[in-house]
């Protein structure tokens, strides 16, 4: 598959692959088994991937932070593939005494907007 075909299929996946050499785990099972073996691991928290998202892995929350300098919007959004005008985001995680995890996501104001 050519680079153009990969871009056309999914600009976000193309960007992560080309810019950061990221790819899905070819064999996620070993990591999944390690996480499942340790009940004190309540979630997997991952640094920014230019689009904040949440899913599950190994039966636990998997939370991925948003961009700090740019955002990669969804295909249906009317923004460039690399949206440098998008606000940086931040996540605050609170681990409760009973093991629940609460995450608060915030879009940070640009310096001109702060006040």
C-alpha atoms as a PDB file:
ATOM      1  CA  UNK A   1       0.000   0.000   0.000  1.00  0.00           C
ATOM      2  CA  UNK A   2       1.417   3.412  -0.938  1.00  0.00           C
ATOM      3  CA  UNK A   3       1.802   6.288   1.550  1.00  0.00           C
ATOM      4  CA  UNK A   4      -1.011   8.145  -0.208  1.00  0.00           C
ATOM      5  CA  UNK A   5      -3.314   5.144   0.133  1.00  0.00           C
ATOM      6  CA  UNK A   6      -2.443   4.838   3.825  1.00  0.00           C
ATOM      7  CA  UNK A   7      -3.179   8.534   4.320  1.00  0.00           C
ATOM      8  CA  UNK A   8      -6.495   8.225   2.485  1.00  0.00           C
ATOM      9  CA  UNK A   9      -7.477   5.241   4.624  1.00  0.00           C
ATOM     10  CA  UNK A  10      -6.846   7.034   7.938  1.00  0.00           C
ATOM     11  CA  UNK A  11      -4.936  10.337   8.216  1.00  0.00           C
ATOM     12  CA  UNK A  12      -4.586   9.933  11.981  1.00  0.00           C
ATOM     13  CA  UNK A  13      -3.030   6.458  11.779  1.00  0.00           C
ATOM     14  CA  UNK A  14      -0.800   7.660   8.927  1.00  0.00           C
ATOM     15  CA  UNK A  15       0.409  10.616  11.022  1.00  0.00           C
ATOM     16  CA  UNK A  16       1.191   8.467  14.072  1.00  0.00           C
ATOM     17  CA  UNK A  17       3.051   5.985  11.904  1.00  0.00           C
ATOM     18  CA  UNK A  18       5.004   8.546   9.868  1.00  0.00           C
ATOM     19  CA  UNK A  19       5.790  11.084  12.583  1.00  0.00           C
ATOM     20  CA  UNK A  20       6.261   8.839  15.616  1.00  0.00           C
ATOM     21  CA  UNK A  21       6.774   5.387  14.102  1.00  0.00           C
ATOM     22  CA  UNK A  22       3.857   4.152  16.213  1.00  0.00           C
ATOM     23  CA  UNK A  23       1.941   1.049  15.280  1.00  0.00           C
ATOM     24  CA  UNK A  24      -0.582  -1.183  17.031  1.00  0.00           C
ATOM     25  CA  UNK A  25       0.976  -3.874  19.207  1.00  0.00           C
ATOM     26  CA  UNK A  26       1.502  -6.943  17.051  1.00  0.00           C
ATOM     27  CA  UNK A  27       1.112  -9.172  20.095  1.00  0.00           C
ATOM     28  CA  UNK A  28      -0.805  -7.378  22.874  1.00  0.00           C
ATOM     29  CA  UNK A  29      -1.445 -10.582  24.814  1.00  0.00           C
ATOM     30  CA  UNK A  30       1.815 -10.577  26.859  1.00  0.00           C
ATOM     31  CA  UNK A  31       1.170  -7.029  28.097  1.00  0.00           C
ATOM     32  CA  UNK A  32      -2.473  -7.872  28.732  1.00  0.00           C
ATOM     33  CA  UNK A  33      -1.460 -10.896  30.839  1.00  0.00           C
ATOM     34  CA  UNK A  34       0.946  -8.813  32.923  1.00  0.00           C
ATOM     35  CA  UNK A  35      -1.737  -6.219  33.651  1.00  0.00           C
ATOM     36  CA  UNK A  36      -4.376  -8.842  34.423  1.00  0.00           C
ATOM     37  CA  UNK A  37      -1.972 -10.591  36.810  1.00  0.00           C
ATOM     38  CA  UNK A  38      -1.703  -7.506  38.991  1.00  0.00           C
ATOM     39  CA  UNK A  39      -5.034  -6.469  40.567  1.00  0.00           C
ATOM     40  CA  UNK A  40      -3.457  -3.276  41.972  1.00  0.00           C
ATOM     41  CA  UNK A  41      -3.111  -1.931  38.394  1.00  0.00           C
ATOM     42  CA  UNK A  42      -6.400  -0.062  38.059  1.00  0.00           C
ATOM     43  CA  UNK A  43      -5.786   1.582  34.669  1.00  0.00           C
ATOM     44  CA  UNK A  44      -3.267   2.264  31.954  1.00  0.00           C
ATOM     45  CA  UNK A  45      -2.483   5.950  31.463  1.00  0.00           C
ATOM     46  CA  UNK A  46      -0.724   6.950  28.265  1.00  0.00           C
ATOM     47  CA  UNK A  47       0.905  10.238  27.333  1.00  0.00           C
ATOM     48  CA  UNK A  48      -0.459  12.435  24.619  1.00  0.00           C
ATOM     49  CA  UNK A  49      -1.456  11.051  21.231  1.00  0.00           C
ATOM     50  CA  UNK A  50      -2.801  14.355  19.870  1.00  0.00           C
ATOM     51  CA  UNK A  51      -6.383  13.224  20.452  1.00  0.00           C
ATOM     52  CA  UNK A  52      -7.633  12.370  23.937  1.00  0.00           C
ATOM     53  CA  UNK A  53      -9.546   9.128  24.115  1.00  0.00           C
ATOM     54  CA  UNK A  54     -10.629   6.396  26.486  1.00  0.00           C
ATOM     55  CA  UNK A  55     -11.107   2.683  25.938  1.00  0.00           C
ATOM     56  CA  UNK A  56     -10.331  -0.519  27.821  1.00  0.00           C
ATOM     57  CA  UNK A  57      -7.371  -2.894  27.737  1.00  0.00           C
ATOM     58  CA  UNK A  58      -6.961  -6.022  29.840  1.00  0.00           C
ATOM     59  CA  UNK A  59     -10.389  -5.325  31.322  1.00  0.00           C
ATOM     60  CA  UNK A  60      -9.275  -1.982  32.759  1.00  0.00           C
ATOM     61  CA  UNK A  61      -9.538   1.630  31.611  1.00  0.00           C
ATOM     62  CA  UNK A  62      -6.997   2.803  29.052  1.00  0.00           C
ATOM     63  CA  UNK A  63      -6.823   6.615  29.008  1.00  0.00           C
ATOM     64  CA  UNK A  64      -4.816   8.440  26.353  1.00  0.00           C
ATOM     65  CA  UNK A  65      -3.970  12.091  26.809  1.00  0.00           C
ATOM     66  CA  UNK A  66      -4.707  14.731  24.204  1.00  0.00           C
ATOM     67  CA  UNK A  67      -2.254  16.987  22.446  1.00  0.00           C
ATOM     68  CA  UNK A  68      -0.150  19.609  24.184  1.00  0.00           C
ATOM     69  CA  UNK A  69       0.778  21.561  21.030  1.00  0.00           C
ATOM     70  CA  UNK A  70      -1.503  20.255  18.300  1.00  0.00           C
ATOM     71  CA  UNK A  71      -4.500  18.004  17.792  1.00  0.00           C
ATOM     72  CA  UNK A  72      -5.361  15.396  15.205  1.00  0.00           C
ATOM     73  CA  UNK A  73      -9.124  15.798  14.726  1.00  0.00           C
ATOM     74  CA  UNK A  74     -11.582  13.121  13.739  1.00  0.00           C
ATOM     75  CA  UNK A  75     -12.162  12.653  10.020  1.00  0.00           C
ATOM     76  CA  UNK A  76     -15.606  14.254  10.287  1.00  0.00           C
ATOM     77  CA  UNK A  77     -14.301  17.457  11.908  1.00  0.00           C
ATOM     78  CA  UNK A  78     -13.698  20.499   9.682  1.00  0.00           C
ATOM     79  CA  UNK A  79     -10.074  21.038  10.768  1.00  0.00           C
ATOM     80  CA  UNK A  80      -6.702  20.327   9.139  1.00  0.00           C
ATOM     81  CA  UNK A  81      -5.157  16.893   9.746  1.00  0.00           C
ATOM     82  CA  UNK A  82      -2.700  18.524  12.159  1.00  0.00           C
ATOM     83  CA  UNK A  83      -4.726  21.217  13.910  1.00  0.00           C
ATOM     84  CA  UNK A  84      -2.177  23.515  15.503  1.00  0.00           C
ATOM     85  CA  UNK A  85      -4.842  26.009  16.600  1.00  0.00           C
ATOM     86  CA  UNK A  86      -6.573  23.399  18.766  1.00  0.00           C
ATOM     87  CA  UNK A  87      -6.263  23.971  22.505  1.00  0.00           C
ATOM     88  CA  UNK A  88      -3.786  21.922  24.534  1.00  0.00           C
ATOM     89  CA  UNK A  89      -5.461  19.470  26.877  1.00  0.00           C
ATOM     90  CA  UNK A  90      -4.756  18.114  30.314  1.00  0.00           C
ATOM     91  CA  UNK A  91      -6.168  15.202  32.312  1.00  0.00           C
ATOM     92  CA  UNK A  92      -6.468  15.056  36.100  1.00  0.00           C
ATOM     93  CA  UNK A  93      -6.797  11.540  37.514  1.00  0.00           C
ATOM     94  CA  UNK A  94      -8.221  10.811  40.951  1.00  0.00           C
ATOM     95  CA  UNK A  95      -7.849   7.316  42.391  1.00  0.00           C
ATOM     96  CA  UNK A  96     -10.506   6.835  45.059  1.00  0.00           C
ATOM     97  CA  UNK A  97      -9.951   4.768  48.203  1.00  0.00           C
ATOM     98  CA  UNK A  98     -12.312   2.094  46.851  1.00  0.00           C
ATOM     99  CA  UNK A  99     -10.220   1.666  43.655  1.00  0.00           C
ATOM    100  CA  UNK A 100     -12.400   3.715  41.310  1.00  0.00           C
ATOM    101  CA  UNK A 101     -10.611   6.062  38.938  1.00  0.00           C
ATOM    102  CA  UNK A 102     -12.112   9.423  37.965  1.00  0.00           C
ATOM    103  CA  UNK A 103     -10.565  11.467  35.166  1.00  0.00           C
ATOM    104  CA  UNK A 104     -11.304  15.112  34.463  1.00  0.00           C
ATOM    105  CA  UNK A 105     -10.286  16.356  30.996  1.00  0.00           C
ATOM    106  CA  UNK A 106      -9.600  20.049  30.444  1.00  0.00           C
ATOM    107  CA  UNK A 107      -8.846  22.119  27.361  1.00  0.00           C
ATOM    108  CA  UNK A 108      -6.404  24.784  28.451  1.00  0.00           C
ATOM    109  CA  UNK A 109      -6.811  28.398  27.363  1.00  0.00           C
ATOM    110  CA  UNK A 110      -4.187  29.917  25.146  1.00  0.00           C
ATOM    111  CA  UNK A 111      -2.205  32.708  26.876  1.00  0.00           C
ATOM    112  CA  UNK A 112      -4.165  35.411  24.991  1.00  0.00           C
ATOM    113  CA  UNK A 113      -7.428  33.885  26.294  1.00  0.00           C
ATOM    114  CA  UNK A 114      -6.295  33.467  29.921  1.00  0.00           C
ATOM    115  CA  UNK A 115      -7.695  35.935  32.276  1.00  0.00           C
END
